[in-house]
Amino acid sequence: MTPLAGLDASFLHLETAEMPMHAGVLYLLELPVAEPADAANSSDSPDTLAGLRAHIASRLPLLPMLRRRLSAVPLNLTNPGWVDANPDLEAHIVGVQLPADSSMAVLEARVALLHAQLLERSRPLWKFTLFEGLEAGPAGQRRVALYTQLHHAAADGPAAAAMAELLLDPSTQPRELRLPPVQAQQVARLPAGVAGQLSTALAQQWQQTLQMAKALPAAASTLGAMAAKTAAGLAGNTLQDWLAEARGEPAKERVSQVALAPRTRLNVSLSARRSFSTVSLPLAELDRLRGVHRASLDEALLFICAGALRRYFVKHGPLPSSSLVAALPVSVAEGTVGAVDAGTQASISLLSLGTQLTDPAQRLAHLLSASATARRQRATVEALLPNDFPSLGLPWLLQAGAVLYGRLHAAEKLPALANLLISIVPGPGAGPSPGHRMPLYLAGARLLAHYPVASIVHGLALHISAQSTADTLDIGLLACGQALPETAELAAYMETAFLEFQLLSIASPVPIRKPGRATAVALKSAKKRPGTKPRPSSG
């Protein structure tokens, strides 16, 4: 048995009926033209479903996350572990026949229902659902959808993206991959008997405690340096602003990441209902627009989210007088693509969205400044966040705490650090530029869209997540169905905010990241200096 790392196991302990801790992806697929166009014919379902199962079976040796299940330690004393398992593909990959010519709204509603259901822990923690019966494409092409669910204890966002890389192919013909023998996987086995298992588990806890003790002096030194640097920085900024005011100059805007988030309808305990909607934005145009303002793809998405959220709260109210704050899951894994066998390797960064600002140009400047501040702080904080830690007694404590937190509605009573979650993970098949992103296929069907379906937690009732495909940035909006049932409306506001981003590039076609003298220099050299090259997303 391979013990779960502390962070991975936390997703199991914190899971309740109101707070499922799995993430998913909704693939929109177009079948080859040779397939029958009649989506209502249920006799086609077994063939399509059988083909998908055969494809997944052929890639299983490369996907250890799909070939293991949980094994509890006696008395639930410490974190459970993974043991090898042969998944029953008929139970893990199922088909659903929708009414004929079902729209995306119908599909999204069914995904919301499925996402609210817990995965069965006696089996490997994943499930794939194939939907048929969708309305045909513009030329009559038959379309299907695949919704995948994978528990956060088994993989984080980058690891799930790595799984997609292995499942998808660059053509309708599956690739010939070098498959390692499944039996070559070596895992540590606990001794037989309760006494032996408890002894081994306690020995592991002791080793983890020693490792944390060794790391404490370095962590304390880092925290002390951070505190001194923050205090000096605040004093220096105050002095610079005072001198600027004495000279009659405006003080330079600095966006703090310290303030608490304003309380909104999103900062509530979750119900068991979910609302889910999707939106796709043209990737090439997004790359062009962010180049104009020297923004990353993450920052472009954040600006669009901020504009959409501002419109939503102006209508449904109240719009807070201070900025909404987003919690950004940030991958700390090495490289740009996760490893399929890696656990959760992520931290959280907080960022002010500038939703209180009416002027889009001021909002973008605010967001870029906040992003730069968060980026400087992130590297130091990541070093202090362990992915593994001792768990003696932790399963009991976290499970009881998660249930009480929801029942007591603690999210409504405690201060809010953030209002929502926003995440972006590089999609499969990403190249150096939009023109180099190739079409991808799953079991012969062309991938049209790739919408993430993230998880939400008590106090953060909305998660906006995005991944890129060949031509689009595909965005999934998942919310608590009681706190924010209007995800379709919010998705429409994101399209409006994208148009606002386009208009802003016309009205202010120069970088606006730095105010003051830097802007004057940028004005003189804007025509000579090309936009920066796209850099890989970090979260």
Protein backbone atom coordinates (compact mmCIF):
# COMPACT_ATOMS: atom_id res chain seq x y z
CA MET A 1 0.00 0.00 0.00
CA THR A 2 1.23 3.48 -0.89
CA PRO A 3 0.13 6.00 1.80
CA LEU A 4 -1.58 9.16 0.60
CA ALA A 5 0.26 12.42 1.14
CA GLY A 6 -1.31 14.67 3.76
CA LEU A 7 -2.66 17.21 1.25
CA ASP A 8 -4.18 14.51 -0.99
CA ALA A 9 -5.82 12.78 1.97
CA SER A 10 -7.28 16.08 3.17
CA PHE A 11 -9.57 16.08 0.13
CA LEU A 12 -10.99 12.77 1.35
CA HIS A 13 -11.41 13.85 4.96
CA LEU A 14 -13.10 17.15 4.05
CA GLU A 15 -15.56 15.60 1.60
CA THR A 16 -19.25 15.67 2.54
CA ALA A 17 -22.51 15.21 0.63
CA GLU A 18 -22.66 18.99 0.17
CA MET A 19 -18.98 19.29 -0.78
CA PRO A 20 -17.84 16.56 -3.24
CA MET A 21 -14.09 16.83 -3.76
CA HIS A 22 -13.74 15.58 -7.32
CA ALA A 23 -13.03 17.57 -10.46
CA GLY A 24 -14.05 16.82 -14.01
CA VAL A 25 -13.89 17.77 -17.67
CA LEU A 26 -16.73 17.94 -20.19
CA TYR A 27 -15.46 16.95 -23.64
CA LEU A 28 -17.61 17.95 -26.61
CA LEU A 29 -16.82 15.55 -29.46
CA GLU A 30 -17.74 15.25 -33.15
CA LEU A 31 -17.90 11.75 -34.58
CA PRO A 32 -16.47 10.94 -38.01
CA VAL A 33 -18.70 11.82 -40.96
CA ALA A 34 -19.15 8.14 -41.82
CA GLU A 35 -21.15 7.66 -38.62
CA PRO A 36 -25.00 7.75 -38.89
CA ALA A 37 -26.39 11.24 -38.35
CA ASP A 38 -29.45 10.05 -36.45
CA ALA A 39 -28.47 10.77 -32.83
CA ALA A 40 -31.84 9.51 -31.58
CA ASN A 41 -31.13 5.93 -32.61
CA SER A 42 -30.25 4.24 -29.33
CA SER A 43 -28.84 1.20 -31.13
CA ASP A 44 -25.73 3.28 -31.91
CA SER A 45 -24.99 3.82 -28.21
CA PRO A 46 -23.47 0.41 -27.46
CA ASP A 47 -21.07 0.73 -30.41
CA THR A 48 -19.87 4.19 -29.40
CA LEU A 49 -19.67 3.21 -25.76
CA ALA A 50 -17.85 -0.03 -26.56
CA GLY A 51 -15.34 1.87 -28.68
CA LEU A 52 -14.67 4.29 -25.85
CA ARG A 53 -14.18 1.48 -23.34
CA ALA A 54 -11.77 -0.27 -25.68
CA HIS A 55 -9.78 2.94 -26.14
CA ILE A 56 -9.53 3.57 -22.40
CA ALA A 57 -8.55 -0.07 -21.82
CA SER A 58 -5.68 0.31 -24.31
CA ARG A 59 -4.27 3.31 -22.37
CA LEU A 60 -4.77 1.97 -18.84
CA PRO A 61 -1.12 0.85 -18.45
CA LEU A 62 -0.12 4.53 -18.81
CA LEU A 63 -2.67 5.76 -16.27
CA PRO A 64 -1.87 4.51 -12.76
CA MET A 65 -4.39 6.96 -11.27
CA LEU A 66 -7.17 4.85 -12.84
CA ARG A 67 -5.76 1.54 -11.60
CA ARG A 68 -5.75 2.01 -7.84
CA ARG A 69 -8.29 2.23 -5.05
CA LEU A 70 -8.29 3.31 -1.43
CA SER A 71 -7.35 1.01 1.43
CA ALA A 72 -8.08 2.24 4.95
CA VAL A 73 -5.67 1.88 7.89
CA PRO A 74 -7.23 -0.03 10.80
CA LEU A 75 -9.34 2.17 13.10
CA ASN A 76 -8.98 4.99 10.53
CA LEU A 77 -6.04 6.12 12.65
CA THR A 78 -4.01 7.74 9.85
CA ASN A 79 -4.43 8.51 6.19
CA PRO A 80 -5.51 5.66 3.91
CA GLY A 81 -3.31 4.39 1.10
CA TRP A 82 -3.50 3.27 -2.52
CA VAL A 83 -3.53 -0.38 -3.56
CA ASP A 84 -3.56 -1.84 -7.06
CA ALA A 85 -6.97 -2.49 -8.59
CA ASN A 86 -8.34 -3.63 -11.94
CA PRO A 87 -11.20 -1.23 -12.73
CA ASP A 88 -14.44 -2.67 -14.06
CA LEU A 89 -14.81 -0.52 -17.18
CA GLU A 90 -18.52 -1.33 -17.52
CA ALA A 91 -19.07 0.26 -14.10
CA HIS A 92 -16.62 3.14 -14.55
CA ILE A 93 -17.58 4.10 -18.14
CA VAL A 94 -21.34 4.41 -18.56
CA GLY A 95 -23.66 5.77 -21.25
CA VAL A 96 -26.58 8.20 -20.95
CA GLN A 97 -29.10 8.74 -23.76
CA LEU A 98 -30.40 12.31 -23.73
CA PRO A 99 -33.64 13.35 -25.44
CA ALA A 100 -33.14 13.76 -29.19
CA ASP A 101 -31.49 17.03 -30.27
CA SER A 102 -30.64 18.09 -26.73
CA SER A 103 -29.02 21.51 -26.40
CA MET A 104 -25.89 22.48 -24.46
CA ALA A 105 -28.13 23.81 -21.70
CA VAL A 106 -29.67 20.34 -21.27
CA LEU A 107 -26.21 18.76 -21.21
CA GLU A 108 -24.92 21.30 -18.68
CA ALA A 109 -27.87 20.60 -16.37
CA ARG A 110 -27.17 16.84 -16.47
CA VAL A 111 -23.49 17.45 -15.72
CA ALA A 112 -24.47 19.60 -12.73
CA LEU A 113 -26.57 16.72 -11.38
CA LEU A 114 -23.75 14.20 -11.82
CA HIS A 115 -21.14 16.50 -10.32
CA ALA A 116 -23.13 16.68 -7.08
CA GLN A 117 -22.87 12.89 -6.61
CA LEU A 118 -20.03 11.38 -4.58
CA LEU A 119 -17.73 8.82 -6.17
CA GLU A 120 -17.89 5.32 -4.68
CA ARG A 121 -14.83 4.82 -2.48
CA SER A 122 -14.79 1.03 -2.72
CA ARG A 123 -13.72 1.40 -6.37
CA PRO A 124 -11.02 3.48 -8.09
CA LEU A 125 -12.02 7.12 -7.64
CA TRP A 126 -13.08 7.98 -11.18
CA LYS A 127 -16.07 7.73 -13.51
CA PHE A 128 -16.65 8.58 -17.20
CA THR A 129 -20.15 9.29 -18.57
CA LEU A 130 -20.82 9.32 -22.32
CA PHE A 131 -23.82 11.44 -23.40
CA GLU A 132 -25.59 10.80 -26.71
CA GLY A 133 -28.59 12.54 -28.23
CA LEU A 134 -27.03 16.00 -28.63
CA GLU A 135 -28.16 18.25 -31.45
CA ALA A 136 -26.09 17.79 -34.60
CA GLY A 137 -23.39 20.17 -35.82
CA PRO A 138 -23.96 22.83 -38.52
CA ALA A 139 -23.37 20.29 -41.31
CA GLY A 140 -25.31 17.50 -39.64
CA GLN A 141 -22.29 15.97 -37.89
CA ARG A 142 -23.21 13.69 -35.02
CA ARG A 143 -21.97 14.95 -31.67
CA VAL A 144 -21.48 13.29 -28.30
CA ALA A 145 -20.11 14.47 -24.97
CA LEU A 146 -17.92 12.78 -22.40
CA TYR A 147 -17.95 13.92 -18.78
CA THR A 148 -15.01 12.66 -16.72
CA GLN A 149 -14.84 12.69 -12.93
CA LEU A 150 -11.57 12.21 -11.03
CA HIS A 151 -11.13 12.71 -7.29
CA HIS A 152 -8.76 15.41 -6.08
CA ALA A 153 -7.10 12.84 -3.82
CA ALA A 154 -5.96 11.01 -6.96
CA ALA A 155 -4.82 13.93 -9.11
CA ASP A 156 -4.75 17.71 -9.34
CA GLY A 157 -5.52 19.83 -12.43
CA PRO A 158 -2.13 19.44 -14.18
CA ALA A 159 -2.16 15.69 -13.57
CA ALA A 160 -5.65 15.46 -15.07
CA ALA A 161 -4.38 17.45 -18.07
CA ALA A 162 -1.52 14.96 -18.40
CA MET A 163 -4.09 12.16 -18.43
CA ALA A 164 -5.91 13.93 -21.27
CA GLU A 165 -2.62 14.14 -23.20
CA LEU A 166 -2.40 10.34 -23.05
CA LEU A 167 -6.03 9.72 -23.96
CA LEU A 168 -6.15 12.11 -26.93
CA ASP A 169 -4.50 11.55 -30.31
CA PRO A 170 -3.42 13.92 -33.12
CA SER A 171 -5.50 12.03 -35.71
CA THR A 172 -8.52 9.76 -35.98
CA GLN A 173 -6.15 6.78 -35.85
CA PRO A 174 -4.94 6.05 -32.30
CA ARG A 175 -1.23 6.42 -31.71
CA GLU A 176 1.03 3.46 -31.11
CA LEU A 177 2.33 4.11 -27.62
CA ARG A 178 5.00 2.23 -25.75
CA LEU A 179 2.98 0.68 -22.95
CA PRO A 180 4.75 -0.48 -19.78
CA PRO A 181 3.50 -3.76 -18.33
CA VAL A 182 0.96 -3.09 -15.61
CA GLN A 183 2.49 -5.72 -13.36
CA ALA A 184 5.79 -3.80 -13.39
CA GLN A 185 4.34 -1.26 -10.99
CA GLN A 186 5.98 -1.74 -7.62
CA VAL A 187 4.15 -0.67 -4.47
CA ALA A 188 5.01 -1.14 -0.82
CA ARG A 189 2.83 -3.65 0.98
CA LEU A 190 1.76 -3.34 4.59
CA PRO A 191 2.30 -6.40 6.78
CA ALA A 192 -0.64 -8.70 7.27
CA GLY A 193 -2.71 -8.29 10.40
CA VAL A 194 -3.98 -5.26 12.29
CA ALA A 195 -0.95 -5.04 14.59
CA GLY A 196 1.52 -5.08 11.71
CA GLN A 197 -0.39 -2.47 9.74
CA LEU A 198 -0.69 -0.14 12.74
CA SER A 199 3.00 -0.54 13.53
CA THR A 200 4.01 0.37 9.98
CA ALA A 201 1.58 3.32 9.88
CA LEU A 202 2.90 4.72 13.18
CA ALA A 203 6.49 4.36 11.93
CA GLN A 204 5.59 6.41 8.86
CA GLN A 205 4.04 9.09 11.08
CA TRP A 206 7.22 9.27 13.12
CA GLN A 207 9.35 9.75 10.00
CA GLN A 208 7.06 12.53 8.75
CA THR A 209 7.23 14.24 12.15
CA LEU A 210 11.03 14.17 12.07
CA GLN A 211 11.08 15.62 8.55
CA MET A 212 8.78 18.48 9.57
CA ALA A 213 10.89 19.18 12.67
CA LYS A 214 14.01 19.46 10.51
CA ALA A 215 12.24 21.90 8.19
CA LEU A 216 10.92 24.19 10.95
CA PRO A 217 14.10 26.31 11.47
CA ALA A 218 14.31 27.11 7.74
CA ALA A 219 10.60 27.91 7.63
CA ALA A 220 10.88 30.20 10.66
CA SER A 221 13.81 32.00 9.07
CA THR A 222 11.84 32.46 5.84
CA LEU A 223 8.80 33.79 7.71
CA GLY A 224 10.98 36.23 9.63
CA ALA A 225 12.56 37.51 6.44
CA MET A 226 9.10 37.89 4.88
CA ALA A 227 7.84 39.89 7.85
CA ALA A 228 10.90 42.17 7.86
CA LYS A 229 10.68 42.68 4.10
CA THR A 230 6.96 43.47 4.31
CA ALA A 231 7.46 45.98 7.12
CA ALA A 232 10.34 47.67 5.28
CA GLY A 233 8.37 47.71 2.06
CA LEU A 234 5.36 49.31 3.71
CA ALA A 235 7.54 51.95 5.35
CA GLY A 236 9.35 52.66 2.08
CA ASN A 237 6.09 52.91 0.14
CA THR A 238 4.64 55.31 2.73
CA LEU A 239 7.74 57.51 2.52
CA GLN A 240 7.69 57.51 -1.29
CA ASP A 241 4.02 58.46 -1.34
CA TRP A 242 4.62 61.26 1.19
CA LEU A 243 7.49 62.67 -0.88
CA ALA A 244 5.43 62.43 -4.06
CA GLU A 245 2.58 64.30 -2.38
CA ALA A 246 4.97 67.01 -1.18
CA ARG A 247 6.14 67.49 -4.78
CA GLY A 248 2.54 67.65 -5.98
CA GLU A 249 2.81 64.30 -7.79
CA PRO A 250 0.20 61.53 -7.58
CA ALA A 251 1.20 58.57 -5.42
CA LYS A 252 1.91 55.39 -7.38
CA GLU A 253 -0.89 52.82 -7.13
CA ARG A 254 0.05 49.70 -5.18
CA VAL A 255 -2.54 47.01 -4.83
CA SER A 256 -2.40 45.33 -1.44
CA GLN A 257 -3.14 41.61 -1.10
CA VAL A 258 -3.69 41.84 2.67
CA ALA A 259 -7.28 43.11 2.99
CA LEU A 260 -10.13 40.68 3.67
CA ALA A 261 -12.65 40.05 0.92
CA PRO A 262 -16.06 41.74 1.14
CA ARG A 263 -18.88 39.43 2.13
CA THR A 264 -21.13 38.42 -0.78
CA ARG A 265 -23.75 35.81 -1.62
CA LEU A 266 -20.84 33.54 -2.63
CA ASN A 267 -19.43 33.36 0.91
CA VAL A 268 -21.92 30.81 2.22
CA SER A 269 -22.10 27.16 3.17
CA LEU A 270 -22.83 24.94 0.18
CA SER A 271 -26.06 23.14 -0.55
CA ALA A 272 -26.16 19.77 -2.37
CA ARG A 273 -27.32 21.45 -5.62
CA ARG A 274 -24.99 22.53 -8.42
CA SER A 275 -25.31 24.91 -11.36
CA PHE A 276 -22.96 24.56 -14.35
CA SER A 277 -22.52 26.52 -17.58
CA THR A 278 -19.87 26.84 -20.28
CA VAL A 279 -18.43 29.49 -22.58
CA SER A 280 -15.67 29.42 -25.21
CA LEU A 281 -13.53 32.41 -26.26
CA PRO A 282 -11.32 32.61 -29.39
CA LEU A 283 -7.77 31.84 -28.33
CA ALA A 284 -5.97 33.66 -31.16
CA GLU A 285 -7.81 36.90 -30.40
CA LEU A 286 -7.13 36.50 -26.68
CA ASP A 287 -3.42 36.09 -27.43
CA ARG A 288 -3.47 39.24 -29.55
CA LEU A 289 -5.31 41.30 -26.95
CA ARG A 290 -3.13 40.24 -24.05
CA GLY A 291 -0.04 41.05 -26.10
CA VAL A 292 -1.30 44.62 -26.50
CA HIS A 293 -1.39 45.05 -22.73
CA ARG A 294 1.59 42.83 -21.87
CA ALA A 295 -0.70 40.55 -19.90
CA SER A 296 -0.51 36.80 -19.45
CA LEU A 297 -3.36 34.52 -20.49
CA ASP A 298 -4.17 34.14 -16.78
CA GLU A 299 -4.44 37.92 -16.41
CA ALA A 300 -6.62 38.22 -19.50
CA LEU A 301 -8.99 35.62 -18.06
CA LEU A 302 -9.01 37.40 -14.70
CA PHE A 303 -9.94 40.70 -16.38
CA ILE A 304 -12.81 39.02 -18.21
CA CYS A 305 -13.99 37.35 -14.98
CA ALA A 306 -13.84 40.69 -13.15
CA GLY A 307 -15.96 42.40 -15.80
CA ALA A 308 -18.52 39.59 -15.76
CA LEU A 309 -18.73 39.51 -11.97
CA ARG A 310 -19.16 43.28 -11.81
CA ARG A 311 -22.10 43.12 -14.24
CA TYR A 312 -23.64 40.20 -12.36
CA PHE A 313 -23.49 41.95 -8.97
CA VAL A 314 -24.71 45.26 -10.43
CA LYS A 315 -27.85 43.40 -11.56
CA HIS A 316 -28.38 40.97 -8.69
CA GLY A 317 -26.69 43.08 -6.02
CA PRO A 318 -25.29 44.27 -3.96
CA LEU A 319 -21.99 45.19 -5.66
CA PRO A 320 -19.42 45.52 -2.84
CA SER A 321 -17.72 48.91 -2.53
CA SER A 322 -14.36 47.13 -2.22
CA SER A 323 -12.88 44.69 -4.71
CA LEU A 324 -13.85 41.05 -4.92
CA VAL A 325 -10.93 38.75 -4.18
CA ALA A 326 -10.19 35.59 -6.17
CA ALA A 327 -8.42 32.53 -4.77
CA LEU A 328 -6.17 31.12 -7.49
CA PRO A 329 -5.02 27.49 -7.25
CA VAL A 330 -1.41 27.57 -8.48
CA SER A 331 0.49 24.47 -9.54
CA VAL A 332 3.93 24.08 -7.93
CA ALA A 333 4.85 21.02 -10.00
CA GLU A 334 8.01 21.29 -12.06
CA GLY A 335 7.48 21.90 -15.76
CA THR A 336 4.31 22.96 -17.57
CA VAL A 337 2.55 19.61 -17.66
CA GLY A 338 1.70 17.53 -14.63
CA ALA A 339 2.71 13.92 -14.09
CA VAL A 340 -0.08 11.38 -14.28
CA ASP A 341 1.14 9.65 -11.11
CA ALA A 342 1.58 12.85 -9.10
CA GLY A 343 -0.69 13.83 -6.26
CA THR A 344 -1.86 17.34 -5.57
CA GLN A 345 0.99 19.81 -6.09
CA ALA A 346 -0.60 23.20 -5.65
CA SER A 347 -0.85 26.25 -3.44
CA ILE A 348 -3.35 29.11 -3.27
CA SER A 349 -2.74 32.74 -4.23
CA LEU A 350 -5.16 35.60 -3.45
CA LEU A 351 -5.72 38.39 -5.95
CA SER A 352 -7.82 41.57 -5.94
CA LEU A 353 -9.96 41.80 -9.12
CA GLY A 354 -10.76 45.53 -9.09
CA THR A 355 -14.51 44.95 -9.45
CA GLN A 356 -15.24 48.21 -7.61
CA LEU A 357 -13.79 50.22 -10.51
CA THR A 358 -16.21 51.37 -13.22
CA ASP A 359 -13.56 52.28 -15.81
CA PRO A 360 -12.27 49.12 -17.59
CA ALA A 361 -8.82 50.68 -18.13
CA GLN A 362 -8.46 51.40 -14.41
CA ARG A 363 -9.71 47.91 -13.61
CA LEU A 364 -7.08 46.34 -15.88
CA ALA A 365 -4.31 48.48 -14.38
CA HIS A 366 -5.47 47.50 -10.89
CA LEU A 367 -5.53 43.81 -11.80
CA LEU A 368 -2.08 43.84 -13.45
CA SER A 369 -0.60 45.55 -10.40
CA ALA A 370 -2.28 43.05 -8.07
CA SER A 371 -1.03 40.16 -10.21
CA ALA A 372 2.56 41.45 -10.06
CA THR A 373 2.34 41.72 -6.27
CA ALA A 374 0.91 38.21 -5.95
CA ARG A 375 3.62 36.81 -8.21
CA ARG A 376 6.38 38.28 -6.03
CA GLN A 377 4.86 36.81 -2.89
CA ARG A 378 4.05 33.41 -4.37
CA ALA A 379 7.56 31.94 -4.64
CA THR A 380 8.28 32.57 -0.96
CA VAL A 381 4.96 31.24 0.29
CA GLU A 382 5.14 28.06 -1.83
CA ALA A 383 8.30 27.00 -0.02
CA LEU A 384 6.37 26.98 3.26
CA LEU A 385 3.49 24.79 2.09
CA PRO A 386 4.14 21.05 2.64
CA ASN A 387 2.28 18.52 0.51
CA ASP A 388 2.78 15.87 3.17
CA PHE A 389 2.60 16.00 6.94
CA PRO A 390 1.85 13.71 9.91
CA SER A 391 -1.76 12.54 9.99
CA LEU A 392 -2.11 10.70 13.29
CA GLY A 393 -5.75 11.19 14.30
CA LEU A 394 -6.27 13.64 11.45
CA PRO A 395 -8.97 11.62 9.60
CA TRP A 396 -11.27 11.77 12.64
CA LEU A 397 -10.58 15.46 13.27
CA LEU A 398 -11.02 16.66 9.67
CA GLN A 399 -14.08 14.56 8.95
CA ALA A 400 -15.85 15.79 12.07
CA GLY A 401 -14.74 19.36 11.41
CA ALA A 402 -16.00 19.33 7.82
CA VAL A 403 -19.45 18.11 8.88
CA LEU A 404 -19.71 20.66 11.71
CA TYR A 405 -18.45 23.49 9.48
CA GLY A 406 -21.31 22.92 7.07
CA ARG A 407 -24.02 22.24 9.68
CA LEU A 408 -23.11 25.32 11.74
CA HIS A 409 -22.91 27.52 8.61
CA ALA A 410 -19.50 28.71 9.73
CA ALA A 411 -18.78 30.21 6.29
CA GLU A 412 -21.42 32.87 6.97
CA LYS A 413 -19.90 33.77 10.36
CA LEU A 414 -16.14 33.77 9.75
CA PRO A 415 -14.23 36.53 7.89
CA ALA A 416 -13.93 35.91 4.15
CA LEU A 417 -10.42 35.66 2.69
CA ALA A 418 -11.74 35.34 -0.88
CA ASN A 419 -15.05 35.35 -2.77
CA LEU A 420 -14.52 32.74 -5.48
CA LEU A 421 -12.01 30.39 -7.11
CA ILE A 422 -10.51 31.02 -10.56
CA SER A 423 -8.10 28.55 -12.18
CA ILE A 424 -6.51 27.98 -15.58
CA VAL A 425 -4.57 24.89 -16.66
CA PRO A 426 -2.77 24.52 -20.03
CA GLY A 427 -4.88 22.25 -22.20
CA PRO A 428 -3.65 19.20 -24.13
CA GLY A 429 -2.03 19.81 -27.50
CA ALA A 430 -0.91 23.37 -26.70
CA GLY A 431 1.84 24.67 -28.97
CA PRO A 432 3.96 27.83 -29.03
CA SER A 433 1.22 29.83 -30.77
CA PRO A 434 -2.46 29.38 -31.74
CA GLY A 435 -1.43 28.36 -35.25
CA HIS A 436 0.59 25.45 -33.87
CA ARG A 437 -2.22 23.97 -31.76
CA MET A 438 -3.28 20.82 -33.55
CA PRO A 439 -6.75 19.23 -33.60
CA LEU A 440 -7.11 16.34 -31.20
CA TYR A 441 -9.21 13.18 -31.27
CA LEU A 442 -10.60 10.79 -28.67
CA ALA A 443 -11.26 7.28 -29.90
CA GLY A 444 -11.62 8.68 -33.44
CA ALA A 445 -13.95 11.57 -32.49
CA ARG A 446 -12.68 15.13 -32.95
CA LEU A 447 -12.37 17.26 -29.82
CA LEU A 448 -14.45 20.43 -30.22
CA ALA A 449 -14.34 21.75 -26.67
CA HIS A 450 -12.81 20.83 -23.34
CA TYR A 451 -14.68 22.46 -20.42
CA PRO A 452 -13.26 22.02 -16.90
CA VAL A 453 -15.77 21.19 -14.16
CA ALA A 454 -13.96 22.15 -10.97
CA SER A 455 -14.91 21.67 -7.33
CA ILE A 456 -16.21 24.26 -4.86
CA VAL A 457 -15.90 24.50 -1.08
CA HIS A 458 -17.81 26.06 1.79
CA GLY A 459 -17.38 29.84 1.69
CA LEU A 460 -16.38 29.87 -2.00
CA ALA A 461 -19.56 28.96 -3.87
CA LEU A 462 -18.26 29.70 -7.40
CA HIS A 463 -15.32 28.25 -9.34
CA ILE A 464 -14.47 29.56 -12.81
CA SER A 465 -11.91 27.29 -14.51
CA ALA A 466 -10.43 27.28 -18.01
CA GLN A 467 -8.38 25.13 -20.38
CA SER A 468 -7.26 25.74 -23.96
CA THR A 469 -7.98 23.55 -27.00
CA ALA A 470 -6.98 23.99 -30.64
CA ASP A 471 -8.82 27.26 -31.23
CA THR A 472 -10.55 28.30 -28.03
CA LEU A 473 -10.17 28.93 -24.35
CA ASP A 474 -12.91 26.74 -22.88
CA ILE A 475 -14.35 27.92 -19.57
CA GLY A 476 -16.54 26.07 -17.09
CA LEU A 477 -18.52 27.87 -14.40
CA LEU A 478 -19.54 25.69 -11.46
CA ALA A 479 -21.53 27.16 -8.57
CA CYS A 480 -23.69 26.14 -5.66
CA GLY A 481 -27.17 25.95 -7.15
CA GLN A 482 -28.65 27.75 -4.18
CA ALA A 483 -26.10 30.57 -3.88
CA LEU A 484 -25.74 31.29 -7.61
CA PRO A 485 -28.16 29.44 -9.90
CA GLU A 486 -27.63 31.91 -12.78
CA THR A 487 -24.34 30.51 -14.13
CA ALA A 488 -25.70 30.76 -17.70
CA GLU A 489 -26.21 34.48 -17.22
CA LEU A 490 -22.71 34.87 -15.78
CA ALA A 491 -21.31 32.98 -18.79
CA ALA A 492 -23.06 35.46 -21.10
CA TYR A 493 -21.52 38.32 -19.12
CA MET A 494 -18.09 36.79 -19.74
CA GLU A 495 -18.68 37.10 -23.48
CA THR A 496 -19.64 40.77 -22.92
CA ALA A 497 -16.47 41.32 -20.86
CA PHE A 498 -14.43 39.81 -23.71
CA LEU A 499 -15.91 42.39 -26.09
CA GLU A 500 -15.00 45.05 -23.53
CA PHE A 501 -11.41 43.74 -23.61
CA GLN A 502 -11.42 44.14 -27.39
CA LEU A 503 -12.70 47.72 -27.19
CA LEU A 504 -10.13 48.54 -24.52
CA SER A 505 -7.30 47.48 -26.83
CA ILE A 506 -8.57 49.98 -29.40
CA ALA A 507 -9.07 52.81 -26.92
CA SER A 508 -5.78 52.16 -25.08
CA PRO A 509 -3.47 50.23 -27.45
CA VAL A 510 -0.37 50.60 -25.25
CA PRO A 511 0.81 48.65 -22.20
CA ILE A 512 -0.72 50.06 -19.03
CA ARG A 513 0.97 47.82 -16.45
CA LYS A 514 3.13 50.66 -15.06
CA PRO A 515 1.66 54.12 -14.37
CA GLY A 516 3.62 57.38 -14.25
CA ARG A 517 6.86 57.85 -16.20
CA ALA A 518 6.87 54.24 -17.41
CA THR A 519 3.69 54.92 -19.35
CA ALA A 520 5.27 57.90 -21.06
CA VAL A 521 8.18 55.73 -22.20
CA ALA A 522 5.73 53.07 -23.42
CA LEU A 523 3.84 55.68 -25.44
CA LYS A 524 7.00 56.64 -27.32
CA SER A 525 8.10 53.08 -28.06
CA ALA A 526 4.77 51.30 -28.53
CA LYS A 527 5.12 51.20 -32.33
CA LYS A 528 8.68 49.89 -32.18
CA ARG A 529 8.35 47.22 -29.54
CA PRO A 530 6.36 44.03 -30.33
CA GLY A 531 4.23 42.33 -27.68
CA THR A 532 5.84 39.77 -25.42
CA LYS A 533 5.70 36.10 -26.31
CA PRO A 534 3.04 34.02 -24.62
CA ARG A 535 4.30 32.30 -21.51
CA PRO A 536 2.88 29.08 -20.09
CA SER A 537 0.13 29.35 -17.53
CA SER A 538 0.99 28.62 -13.92
CA GLY A 539 -2.32 27.68 -12.47
